[in-house]
Amino acid sequence: MSSSPMLSKTELLQAQSLVRGLQPGRYELSQIYGRSWPNITNPTNFGARFKASVIAGQLEFIELSEKKS
């Protein structure tokens, strides 16, 4: 069984709340989630779904930046 390609409605609400609480800048996903990050059971899958949600315009006040080298 494959996972949803984007964040669930509950995940989107949490993500949007976290993003709105940030100062402008560049952040890694683990920095956005802070102390909640260790509770993410599959960070790779979650990161891919988070990215897909950002690309689809499901989250406000956030955009992707180039990956650091």
PDB file of N, CA and C in Angstrom:
ATOM      1  N   MET A   1       0.842  -1.174   0.000  1.00  0.00           N
ATOM      2  CA  MET A   1       0.000   0.000   0.000  1.00  0.00           C
ATOM      3  C   MET A   1       0.891   1.242   0.000  1.00  0.00           C
ATOM      4  N   SER A   2       0.678   2.137  -0.944  1.00  0.00           N
ATOM      5  CA  SER A   2       1.519   3.328  -1.019  1.00  0.00           C
ATOM      6  C   SER A   2       0.874   4.471  -0.248  1.00  0.00           C
ATOM      7  N   SER A   3       1.692   5.399   0.205  1.00  0.00           N
ATOM      8  CA  SER A   3       1.206   6.541   0.956  1.00  0.00           C
ATOM      9  C   SER A   3       0.655   7.600   0.014  1.00  0.00           C
ATOM     10  N   SER A   4      -0.139   8.476   0.572  1.00  0.00           N
ATOM     11  CA  SER A   4      -0.661   9.602  -0.186  1.00  0.00           C
ATOM     12  C   SER A   4       0.502  10.463  -0.664  1.00  0.00           C
ATOM     13  N   PRO A   5       0.411  10.995  -1.884  1.00  0.00           N
ATOM     14  CA  PRO A   5       1.523  11.797  -2.396  1.00  0.00           C
ATOM     15  C   PRO A   5       1.655  13.157  -1.727  1.00  0.00           C
ATOM     16  N   MET A   6       0.613  13.590  -0.992  1.00  0.00           N
ATOM     17  CA  MET A   6       0.676  14.885  -0.323  1.00  0.00           C
ATOM     18  C   MET A   6       0.239  14.731   1.131  1.00  0.00           C
ATOM     19  N   LEU A   7       0.419  15.797   1.887  1.00  0.00           N
ATOM     20  CA  LEU A   7       0.048  15.766   3.292  1.00  0.00           C
ATOM     21  C   LEU A   7      -1.462  15.635   3.458  1.00  0.00           C
ATOM     22  N   SER A   8      -1.857  14.973   4.532  1.00  0.00           N
ATOM     23  CA  SER A   8      -3.281  14.863   4.859  1.00  0.00           C
ATOM     24  C   SER A   8      -3.777  16.231   5.334  1.00  0.00           C
ATOM     25  N   LYS A   9      -5.080  16.361   5.451  1.00  0.00           N
ATOM     26  CA  LYS A   9      -5.661  17.618   5.912  1.00  0.00           C
ATOM     27  C   LYS A   9      -5.128  17.988   7.298  1.00  0.00           C
ATOM     28  N   THR A  10      -5.048  17.022   8.194  1.00  0.00           N
ATOM     29  CA  THR A  10      -4.527  17.265   9.546  1.00  0.00           C
ATOM     30  C   THR A  10      -3.063  17.694   9.494  1.00  0.00           C
ATOM     31  N   GLU A  11      -2.276  17.009   8.670  1.00  0.00           N
ATOM     32  CA  GLU A  11      -0.855  17.366   8.527  1.00  0.00           C
ATOM     33  C   GLU A  11      -0.707  18.764   7.929  1.00  0.00           C
ATOM     34  N   LEU A  12      -1.560  19.107   6.962  1.00  0.00           N
ATOM     35  CA  LEU A  12      -1.508  20.441   6.359  1.00  0.00           C
ATOM     36  C   LEU A  12      -1.803  21.527   7.391  1.00  0.00           C
ATOM     37  N   LEU A  13      -2.800  21.300   8.234  1.00  0.00           N
ATOM     38  CA  LEU A  13      -3.140  22.277   9.268  1.00  0.00           C
ATOM     39  C   LEU A  13      -1.976  22.483  10.238  1.00  0.00           C
ATOM     40  N   GLN A  14      -1.338  21.387  10.627  1.00  0.00           N
ATOM     41  CA  GLN A  14      -0.189  21.495  11.530  1.00  0.00           C
ATOM     42  C   GLN A  14       0.968  22.207  10.839  1.00  0.00           C
ATOM     43  N   ALA A  15       1.252  21.824   9.604  1.00  0.00           N
ATOM     44  CA  ALA A  15       2.354  22.438   8.859  1.00  0.00           C
ATOM     45  C   ALA A  15       2.120  23.927   8.686  1.00  0.00           C
ATOM     46  N   GLN A  16       0.899  24.319   8.314  1.00  0.00           N
ATOM     47  CA  GLN A  16       0.612  25.736   8.106  1.00  0.00           C
ATOM     48  C   GLN A  16       0.774  26.524   9.393  1.00  0.00           C
ATOM     49  N   SER A  17       0.350  25.956  10.499  1.00  0.00           N
ATOM     50  CA  SER A  17       0.510  26.612  11.793  1.00  0.00           C
ATOM     51  C   SER A  17       1.989  26.813  12.128  1.00  0.00           C
ATOM     52  N   LEU A  18       2.791  25.798  11.888  1.00  0.00           N
ATOM     53  CA  LEU A  18       4.229  25.900  12.159  1.00  0.00           C
ATOM     54  C   LEU A  18       4.891  26.933  11.256  1.00  0.00           C
ATOM     55  N   VAL A  19       4.552  26.922   9.977  1.00  0.00           N
ATOM     56  CA  VAL A  19       5.150  27.856   9.015  1.00  0.00           C
ATOM     57  C   VAL A  19       4.806  29.303   9.388  1.00  0.00           C
ATOM     58  N   ARG A  20       3.570  29.525   9.763  1.00  0.00           N
ATOM     59  CA  ARG A  20       3.154  30.892  10.131  1.00  0.00           C
ATOM     60  C   ARG A  20       3.898  31.411  11.355  1.00  0.00           C
ATOM     61  N   GLY A  21       4.394  30.530  12.191  1.00  0.00           N
ATOM     62  CA  GLY A  21       5.116  30.934  13.384  1.00  0.00           C
ATOM     63  C   GLY A  21       6.592  31.226  13.162  1.00  0.00           C
ATOM     64  N   LEU A  22       7.054  31.071  11.931  1.00  0.00           N
ATOM     65  CA  LEU A  22       8.478  31.267  11.630  1.00  0.00           C
ATOM     66  C   LEU A  22       8.766  32.686  11.149  1.00  0.00           C
ATOM     67  N   GLN A  23       9.961  33.138  11.462  1.00  0.00           N
ATOM     68  CA  GLN A  23      10.462  34.373  10.873  1.00  0.00           C
ATOM     69  C   GLN A  23      10.891  34.052   9.439  1.00  0.00           C
ATOM     70  N   PRO A  24      10.876  35.033   8.534  1.00  0.00           N
ATOM     71  CA  PRO A  24      11.358  34.767   7.174  1.00  0.00           C
ATOM     72  C   PRO A  24      12.791  34.228   7.206  1.00  0.00           C
ATOM     73  N   GLY A  25      13.077  33.294   6.350  1.00  0.00           N
ATOM     74  CA  GLY A  25      14.414  32.710   6.276  1.00  0.00           C
ATOM     75  C   GLY A  25      14.360  31.347   5.624  1.00  0.00           C
ATOM     76  N   ARG A  26      15.505  30.688   5.606  1.00  0.00           N
ATOM     77  CA  ARG A  26      15.601  29.336   5.054  1.00  0.00           C
ATOM     78  C   ARG A  26      15.621  28.349   6.206  1.00  0.00           C
ATOM     79  N   TYR A  27      14.828  27.313   6.048  1.00  0.00           N
ATOM     80  CA  TYR A  27      14.721  26.298   7.089  1.00  0.00           C
ATOM     81  C   TYR A  27      14.736  24.912   6.466  1.00  0.00           C
ATOM     82  N   GLU A  28      15.304  23.968   7.182  1.00  0.00           N
ATOM     83  CA  GLU A  28      15.144  22.563   6.820  1.00  0.00           C
ATOM     84  C   GLU A  28      13.881  22.081   7.508  1.00  0.00           C
ATOM     85  N   LEU A  29      13.292  21.045   6.984  1.00  0.00           N
ATOM     86  CA  LEU A  29      12.041  20.537   7.521  1.00  0.00           C
ATOM     87  C   LEU A  29      12.160  20.193   9.006  1.00  0.00           C
ATOM     88  N   SER A  30      13.271  19.623   9.399  1.00  0.00           N
ATOM     89  CA  SER A  30      13.462  19.280  10.815  1.00  0.00           C
ATOM     90  C   SER A  30      13.471  20.531  11.692  1.00  0.00           C
ATOM     91  N   GLN A  31      13.912  21.656  11.154  1.00  0.00           N
ATOM     92  CA  GLN A  31      13.907  22.912  11.909  1.00  0.00           C
ATOM     93  C   GLN A  31      12.476  23.454  12.030  1.00  0.00           C
ATOM     94  N   ILE A  32      11.693  23.297  10.984  1.00  0.00           N
ATOM     95  CA  ILE A  32      10.302  23.760  11.025  1.00  0.00           C
ATOM     96  C   ILE A  32       9.537  22.994  12.098  1.00  0.00           C
ATOM     97  N   TYR A  33       9.759  21.696  12.161  1.00  0.00           N
ATOM     98  CA  TYR A  33       9.009  20.854  13.099  1.00  0.00           C
ATOM     99  C   TYR A  33       9.606  20.815  14.500  1.00  0.00           C
ATOM    100  N   GLY A  34      10.854  21.211  14.636  1.00  0.00           N
ATOM    101  CA  GLY A  34      11.465  21.321  15.961  1.00  0.00           C
ATOM    102  C   GLY A  34      11.354  20.054  16.782  1.00  0.00           C
ATOM    103  N   ARG A  35      10.837  20.197  18.006  1.00  0.00           N
ATOM    104  CA  ARG A  35      10.740  19.057  18.933  1.00  0.00           C
ATOM    105  C   ARG A  35       9.784  17.977  18.445  1.00  0.00           C
ATOM    106  N   SER A  36       8.913  18.304  17.502  1.00  0.00           N
ATOM    107  CA  SER A  36       7.979  17.306  16.957  1.00  0.00           C
ATOM    108  C   SER A  36       8.648  16.395  15.926  1.00  0.00           C
ATOM    109  N   TRP A  37       9.791  16.814  15.393  1.00  0.00           N
ATOM    110  CA  TRP A  37      10.426  16.063  14.301  1.00  0.00           C
ATOM    111  C   TRP A  37      10.702  14.602  14.655  1.00  0.00           C
ATOM    112  N   PRO A  38      11.200  14.276  15.852  1.00  0.00           N
ATOM    113  CA  PRO A  38      11.446  12.854  16.169  1.00  0.00           C
ATOM    114  C   PRO A  38      10.184  11.982  16.121  1.00  0.00           C
ATOM    115  N   ASN A  39       9.005  12.603  16.181  1.00  0.00           N
ATOM    116  CA  ASN A  39       7.749  11.844  16.129  1.00  0.00           C
ATOM    117  C   ASN A  39       7.340  11.478  14.703  1.00  0.00           C
ATOM    118  N   ILE A  40       8.033  12.012  13.707  1.00  0.00           N
ATOM    119  CA  ILE A  40       7.742  11.678  12.312  1.00  0.00           C
ATOM    120  C   ILE A  40       8.300  10.277  12.061  1.00  0.00           C
ATOM    121  N   THR A  41       7.419   9.325  11.755  1.00  0.00           N
ATOM    122  CA  THR A  41       7.858   7.928  11.669  1.00  0.00           C
ATOM    123  C   THR A  41       8.680   7.624  10.418  1.00  0.00           C
ATOM    124  N   ASN A  42       8.425   8.310   9.323  1.00  0.00           N
ATOM    125  CA  ASN A  42       9.181   8.080   8.091  1.00  0.00           C
ATOM    126  C   ASN A  42       9.546   9.434   7.501  1.00  0.00           C
ATOM    127  N   PRO A  43      10.651  10.041   7.977  1.00  0.00           N
ATOM    128  CA  PRO A  43      11.015  11.387   7.542  1.00  0.00           C
ATOM    129  C   PRO A  43      11.185  11.540   6.021  1.00  0.00           C
ATOM    130  N   THR A  44      11.700  10.526   5.357  1.00  0.00           N
ATOM    131  CA  THR A  44      11.901  10.617   3.909  1.00  0.00           C
ATOM    132  C   THR A  44      10.569  10.717   3.187  1.00  0.00           C
ATOM    133  N   ASN A  45       9.632   9.853   3.542  1.00  0.00           N
ATOM    134  CA  ASN A  45       8.304   9.889   2.935  1.00  0.00           C
ATOM    135  C   ASN A  45       7.576  11.179   3.292  1.00  0.00           C
ATOM    136  N   PHE A  46       7.653  11.575   4.545  1.00  0.00           N
ATOM    137  CA  PHE A  46       6.989  12.802   4.989  1.00  0.00           C
ATOM    138  C   PHE A  46       7.560  14.006   4.240  1.00  0.00           C
ATOM    139  N   GLY A  47       8.879  14.051   4.096  1.00  0.00           N
ATOM    140  CA  GLY A  47       9.523  15.152   3.378  1.00  0.00           C
ATOM    141  C   GLY A  47       9.062  15.232   1.932  1.00  0.00           C
ATOM    142  N   ALA A  48       8.930  14.091   1.291  1.00  0.00           N
ATOM    143  CA  ALA A  48       8.469  14.065  -0.105  1.00  0.00           C
ATOM    144  C   ALA A  48       7.024  14.559  -0.199  1.00  0.00           C
ATOM    145  N   ARG A  49       6.194  14.155   0.745  1.00  0.00           N
ATOM    146  CA  ARG A  49       4.792  14.601   0.739  1.00  0.00           C
ATOM    147  C   ARG A  49       4.685  16.084   1.078  1.00  0.00           C
ATOM    148  N   PHE A  50       5.534  16.566   1.991  1.00  0.00           N
ATOM    149  CA  PHE A  50       5.561  17.984   2.338  1.00  0.00           C
ATOM    150  C   PHE A  50       5.961  18.798   1.106  1.00  0.00           C
ATOM    151  N   LYS A  51       7.001  18.365   0.430  1.00  0.00           N
ATOM    152  CA  LYS A  51       7.468  19.053  -0.776  1.00  0.00           C
ATOM    153  C   LYS A  51       6.370  19.083  -1.838  1.00  0.00           C
ATOM    154  N   ALA A  52       5.707  17.957  -2.055  1.00  0.00           N
ATOM    155  CA  ALA A  52       4.624  17.895  -3.043  1.00  0.00           C
ATOM    156  C   ALA A  52       3.500  18.855  -2.671  1.00  0.00           C
ATOM    157  N   SER A  53       3.218  18.982  -1.398  1.00  0.00           N
ATOM    158  CA  SER A  53       2.163  19.895  -0.944  1.00  0.00           C
ATOM    159  C   SER A  53       2.551  21.350  -1.170  1.00  0.00           C
ATOM    160  N   VAL A  54       3.823  21.673  -0.944  1.00  0.00           N
ATOM    161  CA  VAL A  54       4.306  23.034  -1.202  1.00  0.00           C
ATOM    162  C   VAL A  54       4.211  23.341  -2.701  1.00  0.00           C
ATOM    163  N   ILE A  55       4.685  22.429  -3.528  1.00  0.00           N
ATOM    164  CA  ILE A  55       4.645  22.619  -4.981  1.00  0.00           C
ATOM    165  C   ILE A  55       3.209  22.791  -5.471  1.00  0.00           C
ATOM    166  N   ALA A  56       2.280  22.052  -4.873  1.00  0.00           N
ATOM    167  CA  ALA A  56       0.865  22.120  -5.270  1.00  0.00           C
ATOM    168  C   ALA A  56       0.170  23.377  -4.746  1.00  0.00           C
ATOM    169  N   GLY A  57       0.876  24.176  -3.962  1.00  0.00           N
ATOM    170  CA  GLY A  57       0.303  25.412  -3.453  1.00  0.00           C
ATOM    171  C   GLY A  57      -0.651  25.213  -2.280  1.00  0.00           C
ATOM    172  N   GLN A  58      -0.521  24.105  -1.583  1.00  0.00           N
ATOM    173  CA  GLN A  58      -1.412  23.814  -0.459  1.00  0.00           C
ATOM    174  C   GLN A  58      -0.989  24.508   0.834  1.00  0.00           C
ATOM    175  N   LEU A  59       0.203  25.069   0.856  1.00  0.00           N
ATOM    176  CA  LEU A  59       0.688  25.780   2.036  1.00  0.00           C
ATOM    177  C   LEU A  59       1.041  27.217   1.643  1.00  0.00           C
ATOM    178  N   GLU A  60       0.662  28.165   2.503  1.00  0.00           N
ATOM    179  CA  GLU A  60       0.968  29.571   2.271  1.00  0.00           C
ATOM    180  C   GLU A  60       2.237  29.962   3.011  1.00  0.00           C
ATOM    181  N   PHE A  61       2.865  31.027   2.531  1.00  0.00           N
ATOM    182  CA  PHE A  61       4.027  31.625   3.184  1.00  0.00           C
ATOM    183  C   PHE A  61       5.248  30.720   3.210  1.00  0.00           C
ATOM    184  N   ILE A  62       5.337  29.837   2.220  1.00  0.00           N
ATOM    185  CA  ILE A  62       6.507  28.958   2.132  1.00  0.00           C
ATOM    186  C   ILE A  62       6.782  28.656   0.668  1.00  0.00           C
ATOM    187  N   GLU A  63       8.048  28.560   0.345  1.00  0.00           N
ATOM    188  CA  GLU A  63       8.456  28.151  -0.997  1.00  0.00           C
ATOM    189  C   GLU A  63       9.712  27.328  -0.877  1.00  0.00           C
ATOM    190  N   LEU A  64       9.968  26.539  -1.883  1.00  0.00           N
ATOM    191  CA  LEU A  64      11.166  25.702  -1.887  1.00  0.00           C
ATOM    192  C   LEU A  64      12.358  26.552  -2.320  1.00  0.00           C
ATOM    193  N   SER A  65      13.496  26.243  -1.765  1.00  0.00           N
ATOM    194  CA  SER A  65      14.731  26.868  -2.216  1.00  0.00           C
ATOM    195  C   SER A  65      15.652  25.782  -2.699  1.00  0.00           C
ATOM    196  N   GLU A  66      16.683  26.185  -3.384  1.00  0.00           N
ATOM    197  CA  GLU A  66      17.632  25.197  -3.885  1.00  0.00           C
ATOM    198  C   GLU A  66      18.273  24.480  -2.706  1.00  0.00           C
ATOM    199  N   LYS A  67      18.512  23.203  -2.919  1.00  0.00           N
ATOM    200  CA  LYS A  67      19.143  22.397  -1.885  1.00  0.00           C
ATOM    201  C   LYS A  67      20.572  22.887  -1.690  1.00  0.00           C
ATOM    202  N   LYS A  68      20.986  22.986  -0.453  1.00  0.00           N
ATOM    203  CA  LYS A  68      22.355  23.422  -0.174  1.00  0.00           C
ATOM    204  C   LYS A  68      23.342  22.353  -0.612  1.00  0.00           C
ATOM    205  N   SER A  69      24.533  22.770  -0.947  1.00  0.00           N
ATOM    206  CA  SER A  69      25.535  21.803  -1.438  1.00  0.00           C
ATOM    207  C   SER A  69      26.247  21.129  -0.302  1.00  0.00           C
TER     208      SER A  69
END
